[in-house]
Each structure stands twice: as C-alpha cells, then as structure tokens.
Amino acid sequence: MKDNKYISTKHLDAILYPEGGIKLVINKITKSPYGWTKRDLLSAPFGVETNEFTYDYVSNKVDEVYSTFPNEEIHELITKIKKYNNG
C-alpha cells in the first residue's frame, strides 16, 4: 500500500492520495519568539479529484478563511504538485 504524499507551502498543504484525489489543508501561522513556527488548522475541505484541484479551487477555499492571501503561495503549491505528478 502506498502512503499519502504531503506537499506544503508556508500556509497550505496538499495531501495526494495514492488512489487519486487531493485534499487541501489551510493553516494559520504563528511565529514564536523562540524560533519555531506554529501551524494551526483553519480549514480542511473535503478532498476533490486531481483534475478539480486547480488554482481557482484553492483560491476560492483560501478566500473562505483569509481576507487577503498571497497568490504567489497558491501558485507555488500548484507548481509543486505538477512537478511531483510529472516525475
């Protein structure tokens, strides 16, 4: 049995399931004065089919929990997933 693959950026995680599909996880980041970063779960919508996991899908889900969010981070996540899927 293959394990799930986790692809992450600063605030976002994508869980790629070996049987197909991707789940988005949106986190809140809190920097500690001691040098570590805490990630708190804000949202984890139901997973979708791989072809439905697009920039627009991620952007819409992020907009549900953040009033402003860096688009570059969404592009980074999508790019990392594409690189992983293309070998």
C-alpha atoms as a PDB file:
ATOM      1  CA  MET A   1       0.000   0.000   0.000  1.00  0.00           C
ATOM      2  CA  LYS A   2       1.354   3.415  -0.956  1.00  0.00           C
ATOM      3  CA  ASP A   3       1.374   6.233   1.543  1.00  0.00           C
ATOM      4  CA  ASN A   4      -0.221   9.630   1.106  1.00  0.00           C
ATOM      5  CA  LYS A   5       2.121  12.321  -0.241  1.00  0.00           C
ATOM      6  CA  TYR A   6       2.164  15.695   1.537  1.00  0.00           C
ATOM      7  CA  ILE A   7       3.181  18.813  -0.396  1.00  0.00           C
ATOM      8  CA  SER A   8       3.449  22.016   1.639  1.00  0.00           C
ATOM      9  CA  THR A   9       3.980  25.736   1.432  1.00  0.00           C
ATOM     10  CA  LYS A  10       4.019  28.191   4.331  1.00  0.00           C
ATOM     11  CA  HIS A  11       0.232  28.177   4.930  1.00  0.00           C
ATOM     12  CA  LEU A  12      -1.038  25.396   2.647  1.00  0.00           C
ATOM     13  CA  ASP A  13      -0.766  21.615   2.487  1.00  0.00           C
ATOM     14  CA  ALA A  14      -1.967  19.311  -0.254  1.00  0.00           C
ATOM     15  CA  ILE A  15      -2.461  15.651   0.592  1.00  0.00           C
ATOM     16  CA  LEU A  16      -2.184  13.498  -2.531  1.00  0.00           C
ATOM     17  CA  TYR A  17      -3.912  10.156  -2.144  1.00  0.00           C
ATOM     18  CA  PRO A  18      -2.363   7.163  -3.951  1.00  0.00           C
ATOM     19  CA  GLU A  19      -5.796   6.044  -5.214  1.00  0.00           C
ATOM     20  CA  GLY A  20      -6.389   9.531  -6.668  1.00  0.00           C
ATOM     21  CA  GLY A  21      -7.669  12.825  -5.360  1.00  0.00           C
ATOM     22  CA  ILE A  22      -6.187  15.695  -3.380  1.00  0.00           C
ATOM     23  CA  LYS A  23      -7.182  17.274  -0.067  1.00  0.00           C
ATOM     24  CA  LEU A  24      -6.361  20.902   0.725  1.00  0.00           C
ATOM     25  CA  VAL A  25      -5.366  21.961   4.243  1.00  0.00           C
ATOM     26  CA  ILE A  26      -5.233  25.676   5.139  1.00  0.00           C
ATOM     27  CA  ASN A  27      -3.229  26.736   8.195  1.00  0.00           C
ATOM     28  CA  LYS A  28      -2.668  29.849  10.272  1.00  0.00           C
ATOM     29  CA  ILE A  29       0.963  30.599  11.057  1.00  0.00           C
ATOM     30  CA  THR A  30       2.115  31.955  14.408  1.00  0.00           C
ATOM     31  CA  LYS A  31       5.794  32.759  14.832  1.00  0.00           C
ATOM     32  CA  SER A  32       7.286  32.069  18.227  1.00  0.00           C
ATOM     33  CA  PRO A  33       9.902  34.355  19.762  1.00  0.00           C
ATOM     34  CA  TYR A  34      11.854  31.135  20.401  1.00  0.00           C
ATOM     35  CA  GLY A  35      12.451  30.444  16.708  1.00  0.00           C
ATOM     36  CA  TRP A  36       9.776  27.903  15.846  1.00  0.00           C
ATOM     37  CA  THR A  37       6.584  28.381  13.866  1.00  0.00           C
ATOM     38  CA  LYS A  38       3.224  27.038  14.999  1.00  0.00           C
ATOM     39  CA  ARG A  39       0.713  25.961  12.346  1.00  0.00           C
ATOM     40  CA  ASP A  40      -2.957  25.911  13.383  1.00  0.00           C
ATOM     41  CA  LEU A  41      -5.591  24.291  11.186  1.00  0.00           C
ATOM     42  CA  LEU A  42      -8.104  26.788   9.792  1.00  0.00           C
ATOM     43  CA  SER A  43      -9.845  24.672   7.176  1.00  0.00           C
ATOM     44  CA  ALA A  44      -9.631  21.250   5.564  1.00  0.00           C
ATOM     45  CA  PRO A  45     -12.394  20.968   2.952  1.00  0.00           C
ATOM     46  CA  PHE A  46     -13.348  17.593   1.505  1.00  0.00           C
ATOM     47  CA  GLY A  47     -10.866  16.211  -0.983  1.00  0.00           C
ATOM     48  CA  VAL A  48     -11.502  16.572  -4.701  1.00  0.00           C
ATOM     49  CA  GLU A  49     -10.471  14.692  -7.832  1.00  0.00           C
ATOM     50  CA  THR A  50      -6.975  15.584  -9.005  1.00  0.00           C
ATOM     51  CA  ASN A  51      -8.239  17.402 -12.132  1.00  0.00           C
ATOM     52  CA  GLU A  52     -10.522  19.582  -9.952  1.00  0.00           C
ATOM     53  CA  PHE A  53      -7.621  20.774  -7.771  1.00  0.00           C
ATOM     54  CA  THR A  54      -6.907  23.964  -9.709  1.00  0.00           C
ATOM     55  CA  TYR A  55      -5.662  27.442  -8.858  1.00  0.00           C
ATOM     56  CA  ASP A  56      -9.281  28.678  -8.814  1.00  0.00           C
ATOM     57  CA  TYR A  57     -10.373  25.879  -6.462  1.00  0.00           C
ATOM     58  CA  VAL A  58      -7.539  26.598  -3.998  1.00  0.00           C
ATOM     59  CA  SER A  59      -8.064  30.359  -4.273  1.00  0.00           C
ATOM     60  CA  ASN A  60     -11.798  30.041  -3.521  1.00  0.00           C
ATOM     61  CA  LYS A  61     -11.167  27.831  -0.484  1.00  0.00           C
ATOM     62  CA  VAL A  62      -8.455  30.175   0.842  1.00  0.00           C
ATOM     63  CA  ASP A  63     -10.783  33.164   0.359  1.00  0.00           C
ATOM     64  CA  GLU A  64     -13.272  31.484   2.717  1.00  0.00           C
ATOM     65  CA  VAL A  65     -10.831  31.817   5.646  1.00  0.00           C
ATOM     66  CA  TYR A  66      -8.425  34.644   4.708  1.00  0.00           C
ATOM     67  CA  SER A  67      -9.438  38.161   3.678  1.00  0.00           C
ATOM     68  CA  THR A  68      -6.061  38.644   1.968  1.00  0.00           C
ATOM     69  CA  PHE A  69      -3.631  35.928   0.928  1.00  0.00           C
ATOM     70  CA  PRO A  70      -0.504  35.921  -1.255  1.00  0.00           C
ATOM     71  CA  ASN A  71      -1.406  34.500  -4.696  1.00  0.00           C
ATOM     72  CA  GLU A  72       2.242  33.507  -5.116  1.00  0.00           C
ATOM     73  CA  GLU A  73       1.813  30.857  -2.430  1.00  0.00           C
ATOM     74  CA  ILE A  74      -1.127  29.284  -4.287  1.00  0.00           C
ATOM     75  CA  HIS A  75       0.960  29.248  -7.485  1.00  0.00           C
ATOM     76  CA  GLU A  76       3.830  27.671  -5.523  1.00  0.00           C
ATOM     77  CA  LEU A  77       1.593  24.852  -4.251  1.00  0.00           C
ATOM     78  CA  ILE A  78       0.120  24.135  -7.698  1.00  0.00           C
ATOM     79  CA  THR A  79       3.619  24.164  -9.242  1.00  0.00           C
ATOM     80  CA  LYS A  80       4.961  21.723  -6.625  1.00  0.00           C
ATOM     81  CA  ILE A  81       2.053  19.352  -7.271  1.00  0.00           C
ATOM     82  CA  LYS A  82       2.593  19.496 -11.037  1.00  0.00           C
ATOM     83  CA  LYS A  83       6.316  18.775 -10.603  1.00  0.00           C
ATOM     84  CA  TYR A  84       5.540  15.816  -8.338  1.00  0.00           C
ATOM     85  CA  ASN A  85       2.929  14.403 -10.748  1.00  0.00           C
ATOM     86  CA  ASN A  86       5.243  14.792 -13.750  1.00  0.00           C
ATOM     87  CA  GLY A  87       8.021  12.882 -12.025  1.00  0.00           C
END
